[in-house]
Amino acid sequence: MPLIVSVPGKSPAVSDSFVELLDLYPTTSALCGLEVPARLQGKDLTPILNDPKQQVRDATFTISGGDKAFLWREDRWAFIQYGEDASKGMELFDMHQDPQQFTNLANSPAHQQQVKHLRAKIAAKLAAIRHNDLQP
């Protein structure tokens, strides 16, 4: 999903970097000259505003459906896990070969190592969220 930002004094540009909505707070703070707290999970996107080829994140994470679905998206893979333990299913898509996401590879024996790797990424991210920005 695209993010569109207009910043006075910056030329229009397009970037392929992954971003998350929680990046808006540190970015806005930085643009206003305010201190950005170090413990925020969000990242300052001003490097992208200065050079659209910069990458701020190598992946993005989304929770939807009242904590029922978790998406981990990186350059090649889009992985969706339904339920924290994946008990309600999984989907894995090769975004290089199948950008329209027609072929679910989650149950393919050839992709089980990738599924395991991405499930671990989701588990680590959930642990980080639970130790969130508001905790001392």
C-alpha atoms as a PDB file:
ATOM      1  CA  MET A   1       0.000   0.000   0.000  1.00  0.00           C
ATOM      2  CA  PRO A   2       1.510   3.352  -0.953  1.00  0.00           C
ATOM      3  CA  LEU A   3       2.248   6.168   1.442  1.00  0.00           C
ATOM      4  CA  ILE A   4       2.015   9.677  -0.001  1.00  0.00           C
ATOM      5  CA  VAL A   5       3.677  12.539   1.853  1.00  0.00           C
ATOM      6  CA  SER A   6       4.047  16.179   0.847  1.00  0.00           C
ATOM      7  CA  VAL A   7       6.868  18.122   2.484  1.00  0.00           C
ATOM      8  CA  PRO A   8       7.453  21.822   1.778  1.00  0.00           C
ATOM      9  CA  GLY A   9      10.770  22.336   0.022  1.00  0.00           C
ATOM     10  CA  LYS A  10      11.083  18.718  -1.129  1.00  0.00           C
ATOM     11  CA  SER A  11      10.724  17.729  -4.766  1.00  0.00           C
ATOM     12  CA  PRO A  12       8.156  15.062  -5.667  1.00  0.00           C
ATOM     13  CA  ALA A  13       9.719  11.596  -5.871  1.00  0.00           C
ATOM     14  CA  VAL A  14       8.863   7.897  -5.724  1.00  0.00           C
ATOM     15  CA  SER A  15      10.592   5.428  -3.399  1.00  0.00           C
ATOM     16  CA  ASP A  16      10.399   1.640  -3.199  1.00  0.00           C
ATOM     17  CA  SER A  17      11.389   1.532   0.482  1.00  0.00           C
ATOM     18  CA  PHE A  18       9.092  -0.275   2.888  1.00  0.00           C
ATOM     19  CA  VAL A  19       7.474   2.044   5.436  1.00  0.00           C
ATOM     20  CA  GLU A  20       4.907   1.655   8.197  1.00  0.00           C
ATOM     21  CA  LEU A  21       2.362   4.110   9.582  1.00  0.00           C
ATOM     22  CA  LEU A  22       4.241   4.211  12.873  1.00  0.00           C
ATOM     23  CA  ASP A  23       7.106   5.850  10.942  1.00  0.00           C
ATOM     24  CA  LEU A  24       5.059   9.045  10.583  1.00  0.00           C
ATOM     25  CA  TYR A  25       5.575  10.220  14.180  1.00  0.00           C
ATOM     26  CA  PRO A  26       9.389  10.132  14.165  1.00  0.00           C
ATOM     27  CA  THR A  27       9.449  11.541  10.631  1.00  0.00           C
ATOM     28  CA  THR A  28       7.161  14.450  11.496  1.00  0.00           C
ATOM     29  CA  SER A  29       9.145  15.084  14.679  1.00  0.00           C
ATOM     30  CA  ALA A  30      12.419  15.156  12.753  1.00  0.00           C
ATOM     31  CA  LEU A  31      10.977  17.491  10.105  1.00  0.00           C
ATOM     32  CA  CYS A  32       9.819  19.860  12.862  1.00  0.00           C
ATOM     33  CA  GLY A  33      13.244  19.823  14.503  1.00  0.00           C
ATOM     34  CA  LEU A  34      12.008  17.935  17.543  1.00  0.00           C
ATOM     35  CA  GLU A  35      13.964  15.236  19.323  1.00  0.00           C
ATOM     36  CA  VAL A  36      12.961  11.735  18.239  1.00  0.00           C
ATOM     37  CA  PRO A  37      12.912   9.337  21.209  1.00  0.00           C
ATOM     38  CA  ALA A  38      15.336   6.463  20.599  1.00  0.00           C
ATOM     39  CA  ARG A  39      13.008   3.739  21.848  1.00  0.00           C
ATOM     40  CA  LEU A  40      10.300   4.282  19.221  1.00  0.00           C
ATOM     41  CA  GLN A  41       9.596   1.370  16.896  1.00  0.00           C
ATOM     42  CA  GLY A  42       8.906   3.834  14.086  1.00  0.00           C
ATOM     43  CA  LYS A  43      11.738   5.032  11.879  1.00  0.00           C
ATOM     44  CA  ASP A  44      12.528   8.513  10.627  1.00  0.00           C
ATOM     45  CA  LEU A  45      11.800   8.584   6.890  1.00  0.00           C
ATOM     46  CA  THR A  46      13.688  11.804   6.145  1.00  0.00           C
ATOM     47  CA  PRO A  47      16.558   9.853   4.516  1.00  0.00           C
ATOM     48  CA  ILE A  48      14.041   8.772   1.846  1.00  0.00           C
ATOM     49  CA  LEU A  49      12.827  12.348   1.418  1.00  0.00           C
ATOM     50  CA  ASN A  50      16.417  13.411   0.764  1.00  0.00           C
ATOM     51  CA  ASP A  51      17.266  10.435  -1.464  1.00  0.00           C
ATOM     52  CA  PRO A  52      14.373   8.241  -2.706  1.00  0.00           C
ATOM     53  CA  LYS A  53      16.792   5.355  -3.368  1.00  0.00           C
ATOM     54  CA  GLN A  54      17.478   5.001   0.362  1.00  0.00           C
ATOM     55  CA  GLN A  55      15.945   2.012   2.159  1.00  0.00           C
ATOM     56  CA  VAL A  56      14.708   2.641   5.691  1.00  0.00           C
ATOM     57  CA  ARG A  57      13.278  -0.850   6.289  1.00  0.00           C
ATOM     58  CA  ASP A  58      14.025  -4.212   4.714  1.00  0.00           C
ATOM     59  CA  ALA A  59      10.589  -5.540   5.683  1.00  0.00           C
ATOM     60  CA  THR A  60       7.217  -4.422   6.971  1.00  0.00           C
ATOM     61  CA  PHE A  61       4.765  -5.939   9.441  1.00  0.00           C
ATOM     62  CA  THR A  62       0.994  -5.546   9.695  1.00  0.00           C
ATOM     63  CA  ILE A  63      -1.608  -6.854  12.133  1.00  0.00           C
ATOM     64  CA  SER A  64      -5.232  -6.900  11.035  1.00  0.00           C
ATOM     65  CA  GLY A  65      -8.556  -8.366  11.969  1.00  0.00           C
ATOM     66  CA  GLY A  66      -8.311  -7.915  15.738  1.00  0.00           C
ATOM     67  CA  ASP A  67      -4.974  -9.725  16.022  1.00  0.00           C
ATOM     68  CA  LYS A  68      -6.210 -12.533  13.788  1.00  0.00           C
ATOM     69  CA  ALA A  69      -3.918 -12.013  10.798  1.00  0.00           C
ATOM     70  CA  PHE A  70      -0.248 -11.097  10.653  1.00  0.00           C
ATOM     71  CA  LEU A  71       1.599 -10.064   7.495  1.00  0.00           C
ATOM     72  CA  TRP A  72       5.381 -10.043   7.092  1.00  0.00           C
ATOM     73  CA  ARG A  73       6.439  -8.528   3.780  1.00  0.00           C
ATOM     74  CA  GLU A  74       9.973  -8.305   2.480  1.00  0.00           C
ATOM     75  CA  ASP A  75      11.371  -7.845  -1.013  1.00  0.00           C
ATOM     76  CA  ARG A  76      10.745 -11.348  -2.293  1.00  0.00           C
ATOM     77  CA  TRP A  77       8.212 -12.815   0.123  1.00  0.00           C
ATOM     78  CA  ALA A  78       4.757 -11.947   1.424  1.00  0.00           C
ATOM     79  CA  PHE A  79       3.769 -14.191   4.331  1.00  0.00           C
ATOM     80  CA  ILE A  80       0.381 -14.103   6.051  1.00  0.00           C
ATOM     81  CA  GLN A  81      -0.257 -16.068   9.216  1.00  0.00           C
ATOM     82  CA  TYR A  82      -3.801 -16.450  10.543  1.00  0.00           C
ATOM     83  CA  GLY A  83      -3.802 -16.770  14.315  1.00  0.00           C
ATOM     84  CA  GLU A  84      -0.721 -16.211  16.420  1.00  0.00           C
ATOM     85  CA  ASP A  85       0.067 -19.915  16.202  1.00  0.00           C
ATOM     86  CA  ALA A  86      -0.945 -20.114  12.503  1.00  0.00           C
ATOM     87  CA  SER A  87      -3.732 -22.515  13.482  1.00  0.00           C
ATOM     88  CA  LYS A  88      -6.114 -20.768  11.097  1.00  0.00           C
ATOM     89  CA  GLY A  89      -3.814 -21.041   8.109  1.00  0.00           C
ATOM     90  CA  MET A  90      -0.873 -19.493   6.310  1.00  0.00           C
ATOM     91  CA  GLU A  91      -0.164 -17.994   2.924  1.00  0.00           C
ATOM     92  CA  LEU A  92       3.239 -17.532   1.292  1.00  0.00           C
ATOM     93  CA  PHE A  93       3.732 -15.725  -1.994  1.00  0.00           C
ATOM     94  CA  ASP A  94       6.846 -15.203  -4.084  1.00  0.00           C
ATOM     95  CA  MET A  95       6.466 -11.538  -5.014  1.00  0.00           C
ATOM     96  CA  HIS A  96       9.113 -11.804  -7.744  1.00  0.00           C
ATOM     97  CA  GLN A  97       7.417 -14.707  -9.545  1.00  0.00           C
ATOM     98  CA  ASP A  98       3.798 -14.127  -8.475  1.00  0.00           C
ATOM     99  CA  PRO A  99       3.201 -10.439  -7.638  1.00  0.00           C
ATOM    100  CA  GLN A 100      -0.571 -10.874  -8.003  1.00  0.00           C
ATOM    101  CA  GLN A 101      -0.462 -13.555  -5.267  1.00  0.00           C
ATOM    102  CA  PHE A 102      -2.257 -16.340  -7.101  1.00  0.00           C
ATOM    103  CA  THR A 103      -0.142 -19.289  -5.899  1.00  0.00           C
ATOM    104  CA  ASN A 104       0.009 -19.999  -2.168  1.00  0.00           C
ATOM    105  CA  LEU A 105       3.336 -21.717  -1.443  1.00  0.00           C
ATOM    106  CA  ALA A 106       2.847 -22.117   2.324  1.00  0.00           C
ATOM    107  CA  ASN A 107       2.160 -25.855   2.110  1.00  0.00           C
ATOM    108  CA  SER A 108       4.778 -26.574  -0.532  1.00  0.00           C
ATOM    109  CA  PRO A 109       7.487 -28.920   0.803  1.00  0.00           C
ATOM    110  CA  ALA A 110      10.082 -26.886  -1.104  1.00  0.00           C
ATOM    111  CA  HIS A 111       9.186 -23.752   0.874  1.00  0.00           C
ATOM    112  CA  GLN A 112       8.957 -25.059   4.441  1.00  0.00           C
ATOM    113  CA  GLN A 113      12.296 -23.543   5.456  1.00  0.00           C
ATOM    114  CA  GLN A 114      11.095 -20.141   4.242  1.00  0.00           C
ATOM    115  CA  VAL A 115       7.801 -20.554   6.131  1.00  0.00           C
ATOM    116  CA  LYS A 116       9.727 -21.424   9.306  1.00  0.00           C
ATOM    117  CA  HIS A 117      11.991 -18.401   8.844  1.00  0.00           C
ATOM    118  CA  LEU A 118       9.071 -15.996   8.309  1.00  0.00           C
ATOM    119  CA  ARG A 119       7.079 -17.417  11.226  1.00  0.00           C
ATOM    120  CA  ALA A 120      10.124 -16.712  13.405  1.00  0.00           C
ATOM    121  CA  LYS A 121      10.195 -13.128  12.088  1.00  0.00           C
ATOM    122  CA  ILE A 122       6.540 -12.663  13.080  1.00  0.00           C
ATOM    123  CA  ALA A 123       7.133 -14.166  16.537  1.00  0.00           C
ATOM    124  CA  ALA A 124      10.106 -11.852  17.111  1.00  0.00           C
ATOM    125  CA  LYS A 125       8.138  -8.807  15.981  1.00  0.00           C
ATOM    126  CA  LEU A 126       5.206  -9.684  18.244  1.00  0.00           C
ATOM    127  CA  ALA A 127       7.614 -10.005  21.181  1.00  0.00           C
ATOM    128  CA  ALA A 128       9.079  -6.578  20.356  1.00  0.00           C
ATOM    129  CA  ILE A 129       5.606  -5.036  20.151  1.00  0.00           C
ATOM    130  CA  ARG A 130       4.673  -6.460  23.519  1.00  0.00           C
ATOM    131  CA  HIS A 131       7.719  -4.708  24.928  1.00  0.00           C
ATOM    132  CA  ASN A 132       6.450  -1.529  23.312  1.00  0.00           C
ATOM    133  CA  ASP A 133       7.450   2.107  23.130  1.00  0.00           C
ATOM    134  CA  LEU A 134       5.409   3.018  26.193  1.00  0.00           C
ATOM    135  CA  GLN A 135       7.181   0.635  28.538  1.00  0.00           C
ATOM    136  CA  PRO A 136      10.067   2.074  30.598  1.00  0.00           C
END
